[in-house]
Amino acid sequence: MGKLKIVIVSRAILPTNAPRAFRATELAKVLAKKGHKVKLMAVLGSHDYGTFERETGVEVVDIGTPTIATRNSDGKLKLPLWKLGLIFFFRKLLEFPDILLMKKVKKAILQQGDFDMLITVAVPYPIHWGASLIKQKERRFTTWVSDCGDPYMGNDMGSRMFYFKYIEKWWGRKTDYISVPVDDARGSYYPEFKDKIVVIPQGFDFEDVHNEEYLENNVPTFLYAGALYKGKRDPKNFLDFLCTLENEFKFIVYSGHTNHFDSYRSILKDKLEIRPLIERDILMKEMSKMDFLVNISNKGTTAQVPSKLIDYALTQRPILEISSEFTDVEKNTFQSFLIKDYRNRLQIDNIERYDIYNVANQFLSLYNSLNI
């Protein structure tokens, strides 16, 4: 295989602090490092990508911002009240405003002329759907991989309007491959596309991991980082239990969903510390200082594995996995962790699978399989 021309499309890229932004950006960087010509396309904000382009060899291309903007790569969304009202009323009915990305994505891809491989990254799924608008006679690339962090119609974390199944099937017929991060996600897609589904896990550049030296904390100190959802990935029962403990500890949280902790701040006081979101490399250094890390599993689904679990594993700190229910067995395990008994820690096997170089090779093998 010679050097390829590759286009990667995502709604957002770094510096956005989000799993799909990491996925697209890290994949583009390593493919360029392997010598391929890579264009990374996204809804850009005001960030200057000049240094990034010079250092990585990746060309960054702006998809363009829809009239009623979705979030861009600055992670910002400042809209007047009337636009927020439209989003509120039409989000579920029309995937609004992300649906507006479709024409932007199609136009941006066609403007790239001839190239070898297209990788579209979702969520949101209108990124895939925009590529689906390209007719066969317009198609100027040989291989299209639709990379899906989460399922769409088969997503247990939220329901969709029934008519979107026709759009999902339309896209499924068009794409060459559907890549998912875990094998359990296969069942979340329509069976007629099972032969197109490949498992490609989350990818991280292990060379960028620089952990702090672990020193035992004065009191048991543990950390949670990531999104939270009421009734799905919910810390309530865990927090209720923490309120019953008399012994000293420190629970540190990095999350954009801090409302889950509002009623507990006055009870736990200095035992609970809510910190603002920070960049991934800095966060990983903070995690490596913890006695252990807490993961709250997704209730009712095994089709999604938080990318932070890989970050957790790379810090080499013990991982306590609990459910939203926080069962009696989990309470006993937690109390064992407090006395540094980590025998029931969550094990992340075959960590090398998540090396971004191995992940990139899996994408390239898909090109080879269609172009032998």
Protein backbone atom coordinates (compact mmCIF):
# COMPACT_ATOMS: atom_id res chain seq x y z
CA MET A 1 0.00 0.00 0.00
CA GLY A 2 1.34 3.39 -1.00
CA LYS A 3 0.70 6.69 0.67
CA LEU A 4 -2.99 7.51 0.81
CA LYS A 5 -5.03 10.69 0.66
CA ILE A 6 -7.35 10.48 3.68
CA VAL A 7 -10.19 12.79 4.75
CA ILE A 8 -11.50 12.63 8.33
CA VAL A 9 -14.74 14.47 9.18
CA SER A 10 -15.92 15.23 12.71
CA ARG A 11 -18.16 17.92 14.18
CA ALA A 12 -15.41 18.96 16.57
CA ILE A 13 -11.68 18.39 16.99
CA LEU A 14 -9.20 19.50 19.61
CA PRO A 15 -9.12 21.71 21.61
CA THR A 16 -12.69 20.51 22.32
CA ASN A 17 -12.55 18.29 25.41
CA ALA A 18 -14.72 15.43 24.13
CA PRO A 19 -14.17 11.75 23.15
CA ARG A 20 -15.10 12.19 19.47
CA ALA A 21 -12.80 15.21 19.16
CA PHE A 22 -9.96 13.12 20.61
CA ARG A 23 -10.79 10.25 18.27
CA ALA A 24 -10.67 12.34 15.10
CA THR A 25 -7.64 14.41 16.06
CA GLU A 26 -5.44 11.59 17.35
CA LEU A 27 -6.27 9.39 14.38
CA ALA A 28 -5.39 12.19 11.95
CA LYS A 29 -2.09 12.85 13.69
CA VAL A 30 -0.86 9.27 13.61
CA LEU A 31 -2.00 8.64 10.03
CA ALA A 32 -0.01 11.71 8.98
CA LYS A 33 2.94 10.48 11.01
CA LYS A 34 2.78 7.25 8.99
CA GLY A 35 3.28 9.33 5.86
CA HIS A 36 -0.27 9.64 4.54
CA LYS A 37 -1.74 12.95 3.36
CA VAL A 38 -4.49 13.75 5.85
CA LYS A 39 -7.18 16.41 5.87
CA LEU A 40 -9.06 16.87 9.15
CA MET A 41 -12.43 18.57 8.71
CA ALA A 42 -14.66 20.01 11.43
CA VAL A 43 -16.79 22.95 12.48
CA LEU A 44 -14.01 25.27 13.56
CA GLY A 45 -14.15 28.21 15.91
CA SER A 46 -11.55 30.90 16.48
CA HIS A 47 -8.72 28.54 17.45
CA ASP A 48 -5.53 28.99 15.37
CA TYR A 49 -4.48 25.60 13.95
CA GLY A 50 -1.31 26.92 12.29
CA THR A 51 1.07 25.41 14.84
CA PHE A 52 -0.87 22.13 14.88
CA GLU A 53 -0.66 21.86 11.07
CA ARG A 54 3.09 22.58 11.03
CA GLU A 55 3.86 20.11 13.81
CA THR A 56 1.65 17.25 12.58
CA GLY A 57 1.48 17.64 8.80
CA VAL A 58 -2.33 17.46 9.04
CA GLU A 59 -4.32 19.99 7.01
CA VAL A 60 -7.28 21.36 8.99
CA VAL A 61 -10.37 22.32 6.96
CA ASP A 62 -13.44 24.19 8.19
CA ILE A 63 -16.79 22.57 7.33
CA GLY A 64 -18.50 25.87 8.00
CA THR A 65 -20.96 26.91 10.65
CA PRO A 66 -24.70 26.36 10.05
CA THR A 67 -27.08 29.32 10.37
CA ILE A 68 -28.23 28.03 13.74
CA ALA A 69 -24.89 26.84 15.01
CA THR A 70 -24.04 23.50 16.52
CA ARG A 71 -21.09 23.42 18.86
CA ASN A 72 -17.79 24.16 17.19
CA SER A 73 -14.24 23.10 18.01
CA ASP A 74 -13.96 25.85 20.61
CA GLY A 75 -16.69 24.02 22.53
CA LYS A 76 -18.75 27.18 22.65
CA LEU A 77 -22.41 27.75 21.85
CA LYS A 78 -23.67 31.27 22.52
CA LEU A 79 -27.07 31.76 20.92
CA PRO A 80 -29.92 34.26 21.36
CA LEU A 81 -33.01 33.08 23.18
CA TRP A 82 -35.12 32.59 20.03
CA LYS A 83 -32.55 30.22 18.55
CA LEU A 84 -32.33 28.27 21.81
CA GLY A 85 -36.12 27.99 21.67
CA LEU A 86 -35.99 26.46 18.18
CA ILE A 87 -33.41 23.95 19.37
CA PHE A 88 -35.55 23.03 22.38
CA PHE A 89 -38.65 22.36 20.28
CA PHE A 90 -37.05 20.66 17.28
CA ARG A 91 -34.06 18.80 18.76
CA LYS A 92 -35.81 15.44 19.10
CA LEU A 93 -38.13 15.81 16.10
CA LEU A 94 -35.42 16.74 13.60
CA GLU A 95 -32.01 16.19 15.27
CA PHE A 96 -31.91 19.97 15.26
CA PRO A 97 -29.61 21.84 14.84
CA ASP A 98 -27.12 19.06 14.01
CA ILE A 99 -29.24 18.12 10.98
CA LEU A 100 -28.03 21.37 9.40
CA LEU A 101 -24.56 19.86 9.18
CA MET A 102 -25.62 17.47 6.41
CA LYS A 103 -25.32 19.84 3.47
CA LYS A 104 -22.20 21.42 4.95
CA VAL A 105 -20.52 18.01 5.20
CA LYS A 106 -21.50 16.96 1.68
CA LYS A 107 -20.23 20.19 0.15
CA ALA A 108 -16.98 20.13 2.11
CA ILE A 109 -16.21 16.52 1.10
CA LEU A 110 -16.93 17.15 -2.58
CA GLN A 111 -14.61 20.16 -2.52
CA GLN A 112 -11.68 17.85 -1.70
CA GLY A 113 -11.67 16.32 -5.18
CA ASP A 114 -10.19 12.82 -5.56
CA PHE A 115 -8.89 11.03 -2.48
CA ASP A 116 -8.61 7.45 -1.24
CA MET A 117 -10.33 7.06 2.10
CA LEU A 118 -13.11 8.85 3.98
CA ILE A 119 -13.58 8.46 7.74
CA THR A 120 -16.63 10.14 9.25
CA VAL A 121 -16.87 10.37 13.03
CA ALA A 122 -20.11 10.45 15.03
CA VAL A 123 -21.76 11.60 17.22
CA PRO A 124 -23.62 13.50 15.91
CA TYR A 125 -24.92 11.17 13.21
CA PRO A 126 -25.67 13.93 10.67
CA ILE A 127 -21.92 13.83 10.02
CA HIS A 128 -22.49 10.36 8.52
CA TRP A 129 -25.73 11.41 6.86
CA GLY A 130 -24.02 14.31 5.11
CA ALA A 131 -21.62 11.90 3.43
CA SER A 132 -24.63 9.75 2.50
CA LEU A 133 -25.96 12.65 0.40
CA ILE A 134 -23.10 12.10 -2.03
CA LYS A 135 -24.42 10.16 -5.02
CA GLN A 136 -22.46 7.20 -6.38
CA LYS A 137 -21.56 9.10 -9.55
CA GLU A 138 -20.21 11.97 -7.39
CA ARG A 139 -18.17 9.71 -5.13
CA ARG A 140 -14.45 10.51 -5.51
CA PHE A 141 -13.11 8.08 -2.88
CA THR A 142 -12.89 4.30 -2.79
CA THR A 143 -13.37 3.47 0.91
CA TRP A 144 -15.74 5.00 3.47
CA VAL A 145 -15.61 4.06 7.17
CA SER A 146 -18.34 5.43 9.46
CA ASP A 147 -16.87 5.52 12.96
CA CYS A 148 -19.54 5.35 15.68
CA GLY A 149 -18.73 6.08 19.31
CA ASP A 150 -22.32 5.39 20.35
CA PRO A 151 -25.20 3.64 18.56
CA TYR A 152 -28.06 5.72 17.16
CA MET A 153 -31.46 4.00 16.97
CA GLY A 154 -30.13 1.16 19.14
CA ASN A 155 -28.85 3.48 21.85
CA ASP A 156 -30.18 2.45 25.27
CA MET A 157 -29.23 5.84 26.72
CA GLY A 158 -32.01 7.68 24.85
CA SER A 159 -34.90 7.16 22.44
CA ARG A 160 -35.20 8.47 18.87
CA MET A 161 -38.23 9.28 16.75
CA PHE A 162 -39.26 6.13 14.83
CA TYR A 163 -38.77 7.65 11.38
CA PHE A 164 -35.04 8.06 11.89
CA LYS A 165 -34.68 4.30 11.35
CA TYR A 166 -35.19 4.94 7.63
CA ILE A 167 -32.35 7.47 7.64
CA GLU A 168 -30.11 5.08 9.57
CA LYS A 169 -30.81 2.30 7.06
CA TRP A 170 -30.22 4.69 4.14
CA TRP A 171 -26.82 5.57 5.61
CA GLY A 172 -26.06 1.91 6.40
CA ARG A 173 -26.54 0.95 2.75
CA LYS A 174 -24.19 3.70 1.58
CA THR A 175 -21.17 3.30 3.88
CA ASP A 176 -18.58 0.58 3.29
CA TYR A 177 -17.89 -0.09 6.98
CA ILE A 178 -19.37 0.78 10.36
CA SER A 179 -16.68 0.81 13.05
CA VAL A 180 -17.72 0.44 16.70
CA PRO A 181 -15.52 0.53 19.81
CA VAL A 182 -16.72 -2.68 21.51
CA ASP A 183 -18.01 -6.03 20.27
CA ASP A 184 -21.21 -5.73 22.32
CA ALA A 185 -22.23 -2.74 20.16
CA ARG A 186 -22.83 -4.98 17.13
CA GLY A 187 -26.36 -5.79 18.28
CA SER A 188 -27.28 -2.10 18.41
CA TYR A 189 -27.31 -1.83 14.63
CA TYR A 190 -29.72 -3.26 12.08
CA PRO A 191 -28.95 -6.91 11.22
CA GLU A 192 -28.80 -6.27 7.47
CA PHE A 193 -25.55 -4.36 8.06
CA LYS A 194 -23.85 -6.91 10.34
CA ASP A 195 -21.27 -7.76 7.65
CA LYS A 196 -20.18 -4.11 7.53
CA ILE A 197 -19.53 -3.82 11.27
CA VAL A 198 -15.93 -3.94 12.50
CA VAL A 199 -14.65 -3.41 16.04
CA ILE A 200 -11.99 -0.71 16.36
CA PRO A 201 -11.46 0.42 19.96
CA GLN A 202 -10.75 3.89 21.25
CA GLY A 203 -7.19 4.96 20.48
CA PHE A 204 -4.69 6.89 22.58
CA ASP A 205 -1.10 7.91 21.99
CA PHE A 206 0.72 6.11 24.79
CA GLU A 207 3.80 8.25 24.12
CA ASP A 208 1.86 11.28 25.40
CA VAL A 209 1.16 9.73 28.82
CA HIS A 210 3.32 11.23 31.55
CA ASN A 211 2.04 10.12 34.94
CA GLU A 212 3.03 11.76 38.19
CA GLU A 213 4.85 9.57 40.70
CA TYR A 214 2.23 8.08 43.01
CA LEU A 215 2.60 8.96 46.69
CA GLU A 216 0.12 7.61 49.21
CA ASN A 217 -2.34 10.31 50.28
CA ASN A 218 -2.89 11.28 53.92
CA VAL A 219 -6.53 10.19 53.68
CA PRO A 220 -8.10 7.83 51.09
CA THR A 221 -8.42 10.00 47.99
CA PHE A 222 -10.40 8.92 44.95
CA LEU A 223 -11.60 10.60 41.78
CA TYR A 224 -14.38 10.47 39.21
CA ALA A 225 -14.08 12.18 35.82
CA GLY A 226 -16.70 12.34 33.10
CA ALA A 227 -20.33 12.82 32.23
CA LEU A 228 -23.24 11.84 34.50
CA TYR A 229 -26.88 11.09 33.69
CA LYS A 230 -29.78 10.86 36.10
CA GLY A 231 -30.91 7.25 36.41
CA LYS A 232 -28.31 6.01 33.91
CA ARG A 233 -24.85 6.91 35.15
CA ASP A 234 -26.02 8.34 38.42
CA PRO A 235 -23.86 9.01 41.54
CA LYS A 236 -26.81 9.56 43.93
CA ASN A 237 -26.70 6.25 45.81
CA PHE A 238 -22.92 6.38 46.06
CA LEU A 239 -23.09 9.92 47.46
CA ASP A 240 -25.82 8.92 49.90
CA PHE A 241 -23.54 6.20 51.22
CA LEU A 242 -20.58 8.56 51.51
CA CYS A 243 -22.73 10.77 53.72
CA THR A 244 -23.06 7.92 56.24
CA LEU A 245 -19.30 7.43 56.67
CA GLU A 246 -17.54 8.94 59.64
CA ASN A 247 -13.99 8.16 58.54
CA GLU A 248 -11.95 10.68 56.60
CA PHE A 249 -11.67 10.61 52.82
CA LYS A 250 -11.50 12.95 49.84
CA PHE A 251 -13.73 12.51 46.77
CA ILE A 252 -12.62 14.64 43.80
CA VAL A 253 -14.89 15.14 40.79
CA TYR A 254 -14.19 16.52 37.33
CA SER A 255 -17.49 16.79 35.45
CA GLY A 256 -19.61 19.21 33.50
CA HIS A 257 -22.69 17.86 35.29
CA THR A 258 -22.09 19.31 38.75
CA ASN A 259 -25.82 19.68 39.58
CA HIS A 260 -25.73 16.04 40.77
CA PHE A 261 -23.63 17.21 43.73
CA ASP A 262 -25.44 20.38 44.78
CA SER A 263 -27.35 18.87 47.72
CA TYR A 264 -24.26 17.04 49.01
CA ARG A 265 -21.78 19.89 49.27
CA SER A 266 -23.06 21.11 52.62
CA ILE A 267 -23.10 17.56 54.07
CA LEU A 268 -19.75 16.26 52.84
CA LYS A 269 -18.01 19.65 53.04
CA ASP A 270 -14.24 19.22 52.59
CA LYS A 271 -14.67 15.52 51.80
CA LEU A 272 -16.16 16.46 48.41
CA GLU A 273 -14.21 18.60 45.98
CA ILE A 274 -15.76 19.63 42.66
CA ARG A 275 -13.19 20.87 40.18
CA PRO A 276 -13.65 22.54 36.76
CA LEU A 277 -12.96 20.57 33.59
CA ILE A 278 -9.32 20.61 32.48
CA GLU A 279 -7.34 19.36 29.50
CA ARG A 280 -6.90 15.61 29.21
CA ASP A 281 -3.11 15.49 29.72
CA ILE A 282 -3.38 17.57 32.90
CA LEU A 283 -6.32 15.49 34.11
CA MET A 284 -4.37 12.27 33.66
CA LYS A 285 -1.55 13.61 35.82
CA GLU A 286 -4.11 14.43 38.51
CA MET A 287 -5.63 10.94 38.23
CA SER A 288 -2.22 9.32 38.65
CA LYS A 289 -1.97 10.94 42.11
CA MET A 290 -5.15 9.26 43.38
CA ASP A 291 -5.30 6.20 45.63
CA PHE A 292 -7.96 4.86 43.28
CA LEU A 293 -10.38 5.94 40.55
CA VAL A 294 -14.16 5.49 40.39
CA ASN A 295 -16.08 4.44 37.30
CA ILE A 296 -19.90 4.48 37.26
CA SER A 297 -21.05 1.98 34.65
CA ASN A 298 -23.76 2.74 32.09
CA LYS A 299 -27.04 1.29 33.34
CA GLY A 300 -28.77 -1.08 30.97
CA THR A 301 -26.17 -1.16 28.21
CA THR A 302 -22.89 -2.82 27.38
CA ALA A 303 -22.78 -1.27 23.91
CA GLN A 304 -20.87 1.77 25.17
CA VAL A 305 -17.61 1.83 27.12
CA PRO A 306 -16.47 5.25 28.36
CA SER A 307 -13.19 6.26 26.76
CA LYS A 308 -12.09 7.50 30.15
CA LEU A 309 -11.69 3.89 31.25
CA ILE A 310 -8.68 3.65 28.96
CA ASP A 311 -7.30 6.85 30.48
CA TYR A 312 -7.94 5.36 33.91
CA ALA A 313 -5.98 2.25 32.99
CA LEU A 314 -3.08 4.27 31.59
CA THR A 315 -2.64 6.04 34.93
CA GLN A 316 -1.93 2.62 36.52
CA ARG A 317 -4.16 3.38 39.49
CA PRO A 318 -6.74 0.85 40.81
CA ILE A 319 -10.23 1.24 39.32
CA LEU A 320 -13.39 0.78 41.38
CA GLU A 321 -16.38 0.10 39.12
CA ILE A 322 -19.82 0.68 40.61
CA SER A 323 -23.35 0.86 39.24
CA SER A 324 -25.93 3.58 39.77
CA GLU A 325 -27.68 1.23 42.21
CA PHE A 326 -24.49 0.92 44.31
CA THR A 327 -25.33 -2.54 45.61
CA ASP A 328 -24.32 -4.09 48.93
CA VAL A 329 -21.55 -6.01 47.18
CA GLU A 330 -20.23 -2.76 45.72
CA LYS A 331 -20.39 -1.10 49.14
CA ASN A 332 -18.21 -3.87 50.56
CA THR A 333 -15.76 -3.53 47.68
CA PHE A 334 -15.60 0.22 48.17
CA GLN A 335 -14.86 -0.16 51.87
CA SER A 336 -12.07 -2.59 50.98
CA PHE A 337 -10.63 0.06 48.67
CA LEU A 338 -10.63 2.54 51.56
CA ILE A 339 -8.19 0.26 53.40
CA LYS A 340 -6.13 -0.26 50.23
CA ASP A 341 -7.42 -3.73 49.45
CA TYR A 342 -7.71 -3.58 45.68
CA ARG A 343 -8.20 -7.26 44.90
CA ASN A 344 -11.57 -6.58 43.24
CA ARG A 345 -10.28 -3.78 41.04
CA LEU A 346 -11.56 -3.53 37.47
CA GLN A 347 -9.03 -5.01 35.06
CA ILE A 348 -8.59 -3.53 31.58
CA ASP A 349 -7.05 -6.36 29.54
CA ASN A 350 -4.90 -6.08 26.43
CA ILE A 351 -4.25 -2.40 26.93
CA GLU A 352 -2.05 -2.37 23.81
CA ARG A 353 -5.24 -2.69 21.72
CA TYR A 354 -5.89 0.96 22.53
CA ASP A 355 -2.53 2.21 21.26
CA ILE A 356 -3.40 4.72 18.54
CA TYR A 357 -0.84 3.18 16.19
CA ASN A 358 -2.61 -0.19 16.36
CA VAL A 359 -5.96 1.55 15.91
CA ALA A 360 -4.71 3.43 12.84
CA ASN A 361 -3.48 0.18 11.33
CA GLN A 362 -6.97 -1.28 11.70
CA PHE A 363 -8.45 1.60 9.70
CA LEU A 364 -5.80 1.20 7.02
CA SER A 365 -6.52 -2.54 6.80
CA LEU A 366 -10.11 -1.70 5.84
CA TYR A 367 -8.83 0.28 2.88
CA ASN A 368 -6.63 -2.66 1.88
CA SER A 369 -9.51 -5.12 2.08
CA LEU A 370 -11.48 -3.17 -0.55
CA ASN A 371 -8.52 -2.29 -2.76
CA ILE A 372 -6.43 -5.43 -3.12
